[in-house]
Amino acid sequence: MFDLRRNRTFYCPLVVLAVAFISFFCHATGHAESSAVGDWLDSLRATIRMRDTFVAEKEVAIEALRNVLNTDGSISDEEIYRVNTLLFDHYRKYQVDSAISCIDRAREAALRLGNRDKAIAASVKKSMELSMCSRFLEAENILKGIEPAQLDTAGKLLYYEASACLREFYSASCRAEGFDATACRDSLFHYFNPKSYSYRIAVTTPLAGSDSLMTEKLFQEMLADFGPEAPEYAMLTNQYAAVSMMWGKRDRALEYFIRSAISDIRNCTRETLSLQTVAAMRYEDGYYRDAYDFTLVTISDIQKSGISFRGTAIYNNYSIITSALREEERRSHNSLLWLSAVSIVSVVILIVISLCLYRQMQRNIRIKRELAQSNENLSEAITKLNSINELLNEKNALLYENNLAKESYIAELFDVCFHYIDKVEQMQKSLYKLAVSRSFAALTRRLQSDEMVSEETSGLYQRFDSIFLRLYPTFVDDLNRLLRDEEKIKRLFNNQCE
């Protein structure tokens, strides 16, 4: 089997490229953000995608009020004033031109009714709308023509609110100094209802710099009282986010700016200060695409609503964000080219590694086949050697038997020779005795007798049969198998054979 440890050098380039890719990806992901902020950002993006739905709902409500004014027959000036005032409330942060038209009609109806307070209230509201669309001179002229001392409590509250808005919007539009709205806000404080949102926020906000615990408690109480469905929720969360930013709690500030922006979009409020702030914070964090998208929404709101007092700052930010986004896209493009080059090199290296591995595997397969063939040849050789060994063993056994036969022949030969020598010696002695005793007749008989020759011849045959049957014990049986029963040889020398 292919040993990976022997080929670990193949994998070193791949490991290096993998580490480089992971490092590049981690660098490209930018700063991490908390899961809560991420969830709220996702919600904000989803809310922005649904803007047309919220606008359609608002248009339905506006169209219903318009239908009241367009009904056939006479309609009282009181009703005209009421309906146009309601339309103004729908339009005031949605479409400035339409809001001004509605409040003008409401003022005319109030004049026809002879209601001076309602007419002045309509003029003050118009002044606020003129300030929002950067028509500051017209707004100031309207306010100069009104004597606050002659107004009732509600009129004074509205007058000082419009005066404060004029100064704040002008300062935001022109970045001018010397237009502090603090005096107007202080005057407003005396006319607030202690249970109202305006009073409570006016009391809470100044404490932020001196008593953070009390400020936090008051904000939490207001957040519980004015939930997401309340019209004050967007302003409340914006103020709470601003205070959190002052305390250095940036993540919480971003979260509540996002909540405020979501509330503005759902209520079709196109004076989207919170969304502008979110865009600026995303830009600071390096998320230029979010900053660009959110700024486009604010610019679209300016164009559709006519609320332009923050237009200069928004367009300046848009230019900065666009430049940063283009630079980021350029870097991303270069990074993408670099990553593509790395990917191509990685693919080439992977192909080379794969080819090397494939060749190594083929080589291993060939070596395995050769080893298998060698093993097979070795097995055949071993088999042949075993056969040769068996044959050699048989030959050795046969040689051993032949050696035994030779030894037996020699022993028998010596035995026969000594036997005949002994016989000859005895016969010599016997004949010698007869010759010495001059028994020539007995000597002659002995010499003429063939008894000893017959006896020795018979003994020789018996000895030969005994030796032959010891050497070839199956000879008689093998020969008898070739003969008929009546011709078979009977053993006469069993005792000798045994």
Protein backbone atom coordinates (compact mmCIF):
# COMPACT_ATOMS: atom_id res chain seq x y z
CA MET A 1 0.00 0.00 0.00
CA PHE A 2 1.08 3.58 -0.69
CA ASP A 3 2.81 5.05 2.36
CA LEU A 4 1.72 8.65 2.89
CA ARG A 5 4.54 9.29 5.32
CA ARG A 6 7.06 8.64 2.58
CA ASN A 7 5.34 11.20 0.36
CA ARG A 8 4.55 13.91 2.90
CA THR A 9 6.66 16.34 0.86
CA PHE A 10 3.87 16.31 -1.73
CA TYR A 11 1.46 17.81 0.77
CA CYS A 12 3.60 20.66 2.09
CA PRO A 13 2.64 23.12 -0.70
CA LEU A 14 -1.01 22.23 -0.25
CA VAL A 15 -0.88 22.88 3.49
CA VAL A 16 0.85 26.22 2.94
CA LEU A 17 -1.78 27.28 0.43
CA ALA A 18 -4.60 26.24 2.74
CA VAL A 19 -3.14 28.29 5.57
CA ALA A 20 -2.71 31.27 3.24
CA PHE A 21 -6.29 31.00 2.06
CA ILE A 22 -7.65 30.82 5.61
CA SER A 23 -5.57 33.82 6.64
CA PHE A 24 -6.79 35.82 3.66
CA PHE A 25 -10.41 34.89 4.38
CA CYS A 26 -10.08 35.89 8.03
CA HIS A 27 -8.53 39.22 7.00
CA ALA A 28 -11.28 39.84 4.44
CA THR A 29 -14.10 39.29 6.92
CA GLY A 30 -13.13 42.47 8.78
CA HIS A 31 -14.08 43.28 12.34
CA ALA A 32 -16.32 41.01 14.32
CA GLU A 33 -19.56 42.33 15.70
CA SER A 34 -21.84 41.16 18.47
CA SER A 35 -24.62 38.76 17.63
CA ALA A 36 -27.28 41.20 18.93
CA VAL A 37 -26.07 44.01 16.66
CA GLY A 38 -25.84 41.56 13.76
CA ASP A 39 -29.44 40.45 14.30
CA TRP A 40 -30.66 44.06 14.43
CA LEU A 41 -28.72 44.87 11.26
CA ASP A 42 -30.40 41.95 9.52
CA SER A 43 -33.76 43.26 10.73
CA LEU A 44 -32.90 46.74 9.45
CA ARG A 45 -31.98 45.41 6.01
CA ALA A 46 -35.22 43.41 5.89
CA THR A 47 -37.21 46.51 6.95
CA ILE A 48 -35.55 48.57 4.21
CA ARG A 49 -36.56 45.95 1.64
CA MET A 50 -40.16 46.34 2.84
CA ARG A 51 -40.22 50.15 2.56
CA ASP A 52 -42.63 50.07 -0.36
CA THR A 53 -45.10 48.04 1.71
CA PHE A 54 -45.08 50.59 4.54
CA VAL A 55 -45.40 53.47 2.06
CA ALA A 56 -48.35 51.75 0.42
CA GLU A 57 -50.07 51.39 3.80
CA LYS A 58 -49.47 55.06 4.57
CA GLU A 59 -50.80 56.07 1.15
CA VAL A 60 -53.95 54.10 1.84
CA ALA A 61 -54.50 56.05 5.08
CA ILE A 62 -53.81 59.36 3.30
CA GLU A 63 -56.14 58.47 0.45
CA ALA A 64 -58.94 57.73 2.91
CA LEU A 65 -58.61 61.26 4.35
CA ARG A 66 -58.49 62.79 0.90
CA ASN A 67 -61.69 61.01 0.01
CA VAL A 68 -63.35 62.79 2.92
CA LEU A 69 -62.43 66.15 1.36
CA ASN A 70 -63.47 65.01 -2.11
CA THR A 71 -66.96 63.86 -1.15
CA ASP A 72 -69.84 65.46 -3.00
CA GLY A 73 -71.87 68.01 -1.16
CA SER A 74 -70.92 70.68 1.27
CA ILE A 75 -68.31 70.10 3.95
CA SER A 76 -67.90 72.41 6.89
CA ASP A 77 -64.86 74.52 7.48
CA GLU A 78 -64.51 72.83 10.84
CA GLU A 79 -64.24 69.45 9.03
CA ILE A 80 -61.89 70.91 6.46
CA TYR A 81 -59.62 72.16 9.26
CA ARG A 82 -59.73 68.83 11.08
CA VAL A 83 -59.06 66.66 8.02
CA ASN A 84 -56.28 68.89 6.69
CA THR A 85 -54.68 68.93 10.12
CA LEU A 86 -54.74 65.12 10.11
CA LEU A 87 -53.29 65.09 6.62
CA PHE A 88 -50.59 67.48 7.80
CA ASP A 89 -49.68 65.04 10.59
CA HIS A 90 -49.32 62.27 7.97
CA TYR A 91 -47.27 64.44 5.61
CA ARG A 92 -45.11 66.49 7.99
CA LYS A 93 -42.16 64.05 7.97
CA TYR A 94 -43.22 62.29 4.78
CA GLN A 95 -43.74 64.94 2.08
CA VAL A 96 -43.03 68.54 3.07
CA ASP A 97 -44.72 70.19 0.08
CA SER A 98 -47.94 68.26 0.65
CA ALA A 99 -47.76 69.03 4.38
CA ILE A 100 -47.45 72.79 3.65
CA SER A 101 -50.41 72.64 1.25
CA CYS A 102 -52.54 70.85 3.84
CA ILE A 103 -51.67 73.27 6.65
CA ASP A 104 -52.35 76.23 4.36
CA ARG A 105 -55.81 74.88 3.68
CA ALA A 106 -56.31 74.29 7.40
CA ARG A 107 -55.26 77.90 8.14
CA GLU A 108 -57.68 79.25 5.54
CA ALA A 109 -60.50 77.21 7.07
CA ALA A 110 -59.58 78.53 10.54
CA LEU A 111 -59.64 82.11 9.24
CA ARG A 112 -63.05 81.53 7.70
CA LEU A 113 -64.19 80.21 11.04
CA GLY A 114 -62.73 83.27 12.73
CA ASN A 115 -60.63 81.06 15.02
CA ARG A 116 -57.43 83.07 15.54
CA ASP A 117 -55.69 80.43 17.75
CA LYS A 118 -56.16 77.69 15.17
CA ALA A 119 -54.95 79.98 12.40
CA ILE A 120 -51.80 80.88 14.40
CA ALA A 121 -51.21 77.20 15.22
CA ALA A 122 -51.40 76.38 11.51
CA SER A 123 -48.92 79.15 10.71
CA VAL A 124 -46.49 77.88 13.37
CA LYS A 125 -46.75 74.35 11.97
CA LYS A 126 -46.05 75.72 8.51
CA SER A 127 -42.98 77.45 9.91
CA MET A 128 -41.70 74.11 11.19
CA GLU A 129 -42.16 72.52 7.75
CA LEU A 130 -40.41 75.44 6.06
CA SER A 131 -37.47 74.94 8.41
CA MET A 132 -37.33 71.26 7.49
CA CYS A 133 -37.03 72.07 3.76
CA SER A 134 -34.35 74.73 4.45
CA ARG A 135 -36.62 77.73 3.78
CA PHE A 136 -35.36 79.36 6.94
CA LEU A 137 -36.13 83.02 6.07
CA GLU A 138 -39.77 82.25 5.40
CA ALA A 139 -39.98 80.25 8.60
CA GLU A 140 -38.37 83.05 10.59
CA ASN A 141 -40.71 85.68 9.08
CA ILE A 142 -43.74 83.67 10.13
CA LEU A 143 -42.46 83.36 13.69
CA LYS A 144 -41.56 87.06 13.84
CA GLY A 145 -45.14 87.95 13.00
CA ILE A 146 -46.43 86.08 16.05
CA GLU A 147 -46.38 87.47 19.58
CA PRO A 148 -45.92 84.50 21.97
CA ALA A 149 -47.36 86.44 24.91
CA GLN A 150 -50.73 86.49 23.17
CA LEU A 151 -50.86 82.72 22.75
CA ASP A 152 -52.46 80.18 25.02
CA THR A 153 -50.46 77.37 26.60
CA ALA A 154 -50.78 75.03 23.62
CA GLY A 155 -49.87 77.87 21.26
CA LYS A 156 -46.79 78.82 23.28
CA LEU A 157 -45.68 75.20 23.40
CA LEU A 158 -45.98 74.96 19.63
CA TYR A 159 -44.30 78.36 19.08
CA TYR A 160 -41.21 77.58 21.14
CA GLU A 161 -40.98 74.12 19.54
CA ALA A 162 -40.97 75.77 16.09
CA SER A 163 -38.38 78.34 17.23
CA ALA A 164 -36.12 75.62 18.59
CA CYS A 165 -36.49 73.59 15.37
CA LEU A 166 -35.62 76.67 13.26
CA ARG A 167 -32.36 77.18 15.14
CA GLU A 168 -31.46 73.49 15.27
CA PHE A 169 -32.23 72.85 11.59
CA TYR A 170 -30.40 75.97 10.46
CA SER A 171 -27.36 75.04 12.53
CA ALA A 172 -27.43 71.50 11.12
CA SER A 173 -27.83 72.79 7.55
CA CYS A 174 -25.21 75.53 7.57
CA ARG A 175 -22.98 74.28 10.40
CA ALA A 176 -23.38 77.82 11.78
CA GLU A 177 -22.67 78.87 15.34
CA GLY A 178 -24.60 81.31 17.46
CA PHE A 179 -27.96 79.66 16.85
CA ASP A 180 -28.34 77.81 20.13
CA ALA A 181 -31.80 76.41 20.76
CA THR A 182 -31.24 75.97 24.49
CA ALA A 183 -33.23 79.06 25.46
CA CYS A 184 -36.21 77.92 23.41
CA ARG A 185 -35.97 74.43 24.92
CA ASP A 186 -35.87 75.94 28.39
CA SER A 187 -38.98 77.96 27.57
CA LEU A 188 -40.69 74.81 26.31
CA PHE A 189 -40.05 73.03 29.58
CA HIS A 190 -42.45 75.29 31.44
CA TYR A 191 -45.37 74.27 29.20
CA PHE A 192 -44.86 70.53 29.07
CA ASN A 193 -47.29 68.13 30.68
CA PRO A 194 -45.27 66.38 33.45
CA LYS A 195 -46.57 63.00 32.22
CA SER A 196 -45.74 63.61 28.59
CA TYR A 197 -42.81 62.13 26.72
CA SER A 198 -41.38 65.60 25.98
CA TYR A 199 -41.28 66.51 29.68
CA ARG A 200 -39.75 63.20 30.74
CA ILE A 201 -37.05 63.26 28.05
CA ALA A 202 -36.27 66.89 28.89
CA VAL A 203 -35.78 65.91 32.53
CA THR A 204 -33.78 62.74 31.81
CA THR A 205 -31.30 63.88 29.17
CA PRO A 206 -29.45 66.54 31.26
CA LEU A 207 -28.77 63.93 33.97
CA ALA A 208 -26.68 61.77 31.60
CA GLY A 209 -23.45 63.57 32.41
CA SER A 210 -23.84 63.59 36.18
CA ASP A 211 -25.98 60.64 37.28
CA SER A 212 -25.73 57.73 34.86
CA LEU A 213 -27.58 55.27 37.13
CA MET A 214 -30.62 57.53 37.46
CA THR A 215 -30.53 58.33 33.75
CA GLU A 216 -30.42 54.62 32.89
CA LYS A 217 -33.35 53.93 35.20
CA LEU A 218 -35.46 56.75 33.70
CA PHE A 219 -34.70 55.62 30.15
CA GLN A 220 -35.64 52.04 30.96
CA GLU A 221 -38.95 53.26 32.42
CA MET A 222 -39.66 55.29 29.28
CA LEU A 223 -38.74 52.36 27.04
CA ALA A 224 -41.26 50.26 28.97
CA ASP A 225 -43.96 52.96 28.67
CA PHE A 226 -43.33 53.90 25.02
CA GLY A 227 -42.98 50.63 23.15
CA PRO A 228 -42.16 50.05 19.46
CA GLU A 229 -45.73 50.88 18.43
CA ALA A 230 -45.69 54.31 20.08
CA PRO A 231 -44.98 57.34 17.82
CA GLU A 232 -42.37 58.53 20.32
CA TYR A 233 -40.38 55.27 20.14
CA ALA A 234 -38.06 56.40 17.31
CA MET A 235 -37.15 59.64 19.13
CA LEU A 236 -36.75 57.85 22.47
CA THR A 237 -34.40 55.16 21.13
CA ASN A 238 -32.44 57.84 19.26
CA GLN A 239 -31.93 59.79 22.49
CA TYR A 240 -31.03 56.64 24.43
CA ALA A 241 -28.51 55.67 21.75
CA ALA A 242 -26.94 59.15 21.88
CA VAL A 243 -26.61 58.93 25.66
CA SER A 244 -25.13 55.39 25.39
CA MET A 245 -22.60 56.70 22.90
CA MET A 246 -21.66 59.44 25.37
CA TRP A 247 -21.13 56.74 28.02
CA GLY A 248 -18.79 54.84 25.66
CA LYS A 249 -21.21 51.95 25.14
CA ARG A 250 -20.89 51.93 21.38
CA ASP A 251 -22.46 48.55 20.61
CA ARG A 252 -25.56 49.43 22.61
CA ALA A 253 -25.69 52.85 20.93
CA LEU A 254 -25.53 51.22 17.49
CA GLU A 255 -28.26 48.76 18.46
CA TYR A 256 -30.66 51.52 19.56
CA PHE A 257 -29.86 53.73 16.58
CA ILE A 258 -30.84 50.74 14.45
CA ARG A 259 -34.06 50.29 16.43
CA SER A 260 -34.85 53.97 15.92
CA ALA A 261 -34.15 53.71 12.17
CA ILE A 262 -36.43 50.66 11.90
CA SER A 263 -39.21 52.56 13.67
CA ASP A 264 -38.74 55.54 11.31
CA ILE A 265 -38.99 53.31 8.24
CA ARG A 266 -42.06 51.49 9.52
CA ASN A 267 -43.76 54.83 10.26
CA CYS A 268 -42.60 56.29 6.92
CA THR A 269 -40.69 59.03 8.73
CA ARG A 270 -38.25 60.38 6.16
CA GLU A 271 -36.38 62.65 8.53
CA THR A 272 -34.06 59.69 9.11
CA LEU A 273 -31.42 61.01 11.51
CA SER A 274 -30.97 57.57 13.08
CA LEU A 275 -30.34 55.82 9.77
CA GLN A 276 -27.77 58.50 8.88
CA THR A 277 -26.03 57.84 12.18
CA VAL A 278 -26.06 54.08 11.57
CA ALA A 279 -24.52 54.67 8.14
CA ALA A 280 -21.78 56.81 9.69
CA MET A 281 -21.02 54.19 12.35
CA ARG A 282 -20.87 51.41 9.79
CA TYR A 283 -18.46 53.53 7.80
CA GLU A 284 -16.28 53.99 10.88
CA ASP A 285 -16.30 50.23 11.42
CA GLY A 286 -15.17 49.61 7.86
CA TYR A 287 -18.45 48.19 6.54
CA TYR A 288 -18.60 50.47 3.52
CA ARG A 289 -21.30 48.53 1.69
CA ASP A 290 -23.75 48.95 4.59
CA ALA A 291 -22.80 52.63 4.91
CA TYR A 292 -23.36 53.12 1.18
CA ASP A 293 -26.73 51.32 1.13
CA PHE A 294 -28.07 53.14 4.19
CA THR A 295 -26.89 56.52 2.83
CA LEU A 296 -28.69 55.83 -0.45
CA VAL A 297 -31.89 55.28 1.54
CA THR A 298 -31.47 58.62 3.33
CA ILE A 299 -30.80 60.41 0.02
CA SER A 300 -33.89 58.80 -1.47
CA ASP A 301 -35.89 60.01 1.55
CA ILE A 302 -34.55 63.55 1.07
CA GLN A 303 -35.56 63.56 -2.58
CA LYS A 304 -39.03 62.16 -1.93
CA SER A 305 -39.82 64.14 1.20
CA GLY A 306 -38.11 67.48 0.57
CA ILE A 307 -36.64 67.44 4.11
CA SER A 308 -33.30 68.93 3.14
CA PHE A 309 -31.84 70.67 6.19
CA ARG A 310 -29.36 67.79 6.65
CA GLY A 311 -28.85 67.36 2.92
CA THR A 312 -25.43 68.97 2.76
CA ALA A 313 -23.98 66.71 5.42
CA ILE A 314 -25.61 63.65 3.89
CA TYR A 315 -24.28 64.37 0.40
CA ASN A 316 -20.81 65.04 1.79
CA ASN A 317 -20.91 61.75 3.64
CA TYR A 318 -22.18 60.06 0.51
CA SER A 319 -19.15 61.29 -1.43
CA ILE A 320 -16.78 60.09 1.28
CA ILE A 321 -18.51 56.72 1.60
CA THR A 322 -18.61 56.25 -2.17
CA SER A 323 -14.89 56.90 -2.43
CA ALA A 324 -14.18 54.49 0.41
CA LEU A 325 -16.46 51.86 -1.15
CA ARG A 326 -14.73 52.20 -4.51
CA GLU A 327 -11.36 51.85 -2.83
CA GLU A 328 -12.59 48.81 -0.95
CA GLU A 329 -13.97 47.33 -4.16
CA ARG A 330 -10.62 47.99 -5.82
CA ARG A 331 -8.84 46.23 -2.98
CA SER A 332 -11.40 43.44 -3.10
CA HIS A 333 -10.85 43.15 -6.85
CA ASN A 334 -7.10 42.95 -6.35
CA SER A 335 -7.58 40.47 -3.54
CA LEU A 336 -9.89 38.45 -5.76
CA LEU A 337 -7.27 38.45 -8.51
CA TRP A 338 -4.65 37.37 -5.98
CA LEU A 339 -6.96 34.70 -4.62
CA SER A 340 -7.74 33.54 -8.17
CA ALA A 341 -4.04 33.26 -8.90
CA VAL A 342 -3.52 31.33 -5.67
CA SER A 343 -6.47 29.11 -6.53
CA ILE A 344 -5.08 28.43 -10.00
CA VAL A 345 -1.66 27.61 -8.57
CA SER A 346 -3.34 25.43 -5.95
CA VAL A 347 -5.29 23.59 -8.64
CA VAL A 348 -2.11 23.09 -10.67
CA ILE A 349 -0.28 21.80 -7.60
CA LEU A 350 -3.21 19.53 -6.79
CA ILE A 351 -3.15 18.20 -10.36
CA VAL A 352 0.61 17.59 -10.13
CA ILE A 353 0.18 15.90 -6.75
CA SER A 354 -2.67 13.81 -8.13
CA LEU A 355 -0.55 12.78 -11.11
CA CYS A 356 2.37 11.91 -8.83
CA LEU A 357 0.06 9.94 -6.57
CA TYR A 358 -1.48 8.22 -9.59
CA ARG A 359 1.94 7.30 -10.97
CA GLN A 360 3.03 6.09 -7.55
CA MET A 361 -0.14 4.02 -7.23
CA GLN A 362 0.42 2.55 -10.71
CA ARG A 363 3.99 1.79 -9.78
CA ASN A 364 2.84 0.12 -6.56
CA ILE A 365 0.28 -1.89 -8.49
CA ARG A 366 2.99 -2.99 -10.95
CA ILE A 367 5.31 -3.89 -8.08
CA LYS A 368 2.50 -5.86 -6.45
CA ARG A 369 1.89 -7.75 -9.66
CA GLU A 370 5.60 -8.47 -10.04
CA LEU A 371 5.77 -9.60 -6.42
CA ALA A 372 2.73 -11.82 -6.94
CA GLN A 373 4.32 -13.30 -10.06
CA SER A 374 7.59 -13.79 -8.20
CA ASN A 375 5.75 -15.46 -5.35
CA GLU A 376 3.97 -17.70 -7.81
CA ASN A 377 7.26 -18.61 -9.52
CA LEU A 378 8.83 -19.18 -6.13
CA SER A 379 5.94 -21.45 -5.17
CA GLU A 380 6.43 -23.44 -8.37
CA ALA A 381 10.16 -23.65 -7.72
CA ILE A 382 9.53 -24.79 -4.16
CA THR A 383 7.10 -27.39 -5.49
CA LYS A 384 9.70 -28.61 -7.96
CA LEU A 385 12.35 -28.68 -5.24
CA ASN A 386 10.02 -30.70 -3.05
CA SER A 387 9.49 -33.14 -5.90
CA ILE A 388 13.24 -33.37 -6.46
CA ASN A 389 13.76 -33.87 -2.73
CA GLU A 390 11.20 -36.67 -2.74
CA LEU A 391 12.92 -38.26 -5.75
CA LEU A 392 16.30 -37.89 -4.06
CA ASN A 393 14.88 -39.46 -0.93
CA GLU A 394 13.60 -42.37 -2.99
CA LYS A 395 16.99 -42.73 -4.71
CA ASN A 396 18.73 -42.51 -1.37
CA ALA A 397 16.45 -45.19 -0.02
CA LEU A 398 17.17 -47.34 -3.07
CA LEU A 399 20.91 -46.76 -2.69
CA TYR A 400 20.61 -47.64 0.98
CA GLU A 401 18.86 -50.89 0.04
CA ASN A 402 21.49 -51.58 -2.61
CA ASN A 403 24.20 -50.93 -0.07
CA LEU A 404 22.48 -53.35 2.29
CA ALA A 405 22.26 -55.88 -0.54
CA LYS A 406 25.93 -55.41 -1.33
CA GLU A 407 26.84 -55.87 2.30
CA SER A 408 24.60 -58.96 2.38
CA TYR A 409 26.25 -60.32 -0.79
CA ILE A 410 29.70 -59.79 0.65
CA ALA A 411 28.71 -61.36 3.96
CA GLU A 412 27.17 -64.34 2.20
CA LEU A 413 30.21 -64.63 -0.08
CA PHE A 414 32.56 -64.66 2.87
CA ASP A 415 30.29 -67.13 4.68
CA VAL A 416 30.20 -69.44 1.62
CA CYS A 417 33.92 -69.17 1.11
CA PHE A 418 34.73 -69.89 4.73
CA HIS A 419 32.22 -72.77 4.68
CA TYR A 420 33.91 -74.35 1.64
CA ILE A 421 37.34 -73.70 3.02
CA ASP A 422 36.27 -75.39 6.24
CA LYS A 423 34.83 -78.33 4.27
CA VAL A 424 37.94 -78.62 2.15
CA GLU A 425 40.10 -78.48 5.29
CA GLN A 426 38.03 -81.22 6.97
CA MET A 427 38.08 -83.29 3.80
CA GLN A 428 41.86 -82.78 3.55
CA LYS A 429 42.32 -83.92 7.10
CA SER A 430 40.07 -86.92 6.58
CA LEU A 431 41.87 -87.93 3.40
CA TYR A 432 45.20 -87.33 5.02
CA LYS A 433 44.31 -89.68 7.86
CA LEU A 434 43.26 -92.36 5.37
CA ALA A 435 46.48 -91.88 3.46
CA VAL A 436 48.60 -92.05 6.56
CA SER A 437 46.84 -95.20 7.74
CA ARG A 438 47.28 -96.65 4.24
CA SER A 439 43.55 -97.28 3.92
CA PHE A 440 43.76 -96.94 0.22
CA ALA A 441 40.49 -98.76 -0.35
CA ALA A 442 38.55 -96.34 1.88
CA LEU A 443 40.45 -93.44 0.34
CA THR A 444 39.53 -94.62 -3.10
CA ARG A 445 35.85 -94.88 -2.14
CA ARG A 446 35.85 -91.45 -0.72
CA LEU A 447 37.42 -89.98 -3.79
CA GLN A 448 35.04 -91.86 -6.10
CA SER A 449 31.90 -90.91 -4.07
CA ASP A 450 29.73 -87.91 -5.33
CA GLU A 451 27.73 -87.69 -2.11
CA MET A 452 29.63 -84.70 -0.82
CA VAL A 453 29.27 -82.92 -4.19
CA SER A 454 25.52 -83.51 -4.23
CA GLU A 455 25.23 -82.39 -0.65
CA GLU A 456 27.22 -79.21 -1.27
CA THR A 457 25.34 -78.51 -4.52
CA SER A 458 22.00 -78.83 -2.67
CA GLY A 459 23.27 -76.57 0.10
CA LEU A 460 24.44 -74.05 -2.51
CA TYR A 461 20.99 -73.96 -4.12
CA GLN A 462 19.29 -73.48 -0.77
CA ARG A 463 21.70 -70.71 0.15
CA PHE A 464 21.09 -69.02 -3.25
CA ASP A 465 17.30 -69.24 -2.84
CA SER A 466 17.52 -67.83 0.66
CA ILE A 467 19.67 -64.91 -0.48
CA PHE A 468 17.59 -64.23 -3.59
CA LEU A 469 14.29 -64.23 -1.68
CA ARG A 470 15.69 -61.88 0.92
CA LEU A 471 16.64 -59.48 -1.87
CA TYR A 472 13.40 -59.94 -3.76
CA PRO A 473 10.80 -61.06 -1.24
CA THR A 474 7.87 -60.64 -3.66
CA PHE A 475 9.47 -62.47 -6.59
CA VAL A 476 7.53 -65.70 -6.12
CA ASP A 477 4.22 -63.87 -5.71
CA ASP A 478 4.90 -61.64 -8.70
CA LEU A 479 5.81 -64.68 -10.82
CA ASN A 480 2.80 -66.65 -9.65
CA ARG A 481 0.51 -63.85 -10.78
CA LEU A 482 1.79 -64.47 -14.29
CA LEU A 483 1.17 -68.28 -14.15
CA ARG A 484 -1.89 -70.47 -14.14
CA ASP A 485 -2.92 -72.04 -10.85
CA GLU A 486 -1.61 -75.52 -11.75
CA GLU A 487 1.71 -73.99 -12.81
CA LYS A 488 2.29 -71.77 -9.76
CA ILE A 489 5.43 -72.29 -7.72
CA LYS A 490 5.10 -73.45 -4.13
CA ARG A 491 7.37 -72.14 -1.47
CA LEU A 492 9.72 -74.80 -0.27
CA PHE A 493 12.00 -72.63 1.77
CA ASN A 494 9.63 -70.57 3.97
CA ASN A 495 11.75 -71.21 6.96
CA GLN A 496 14.88 -70.13 5.19
CA CYS A 497 13.10 -67.03 3.76
CA GLU A 498 11.84 -66.05 7.06
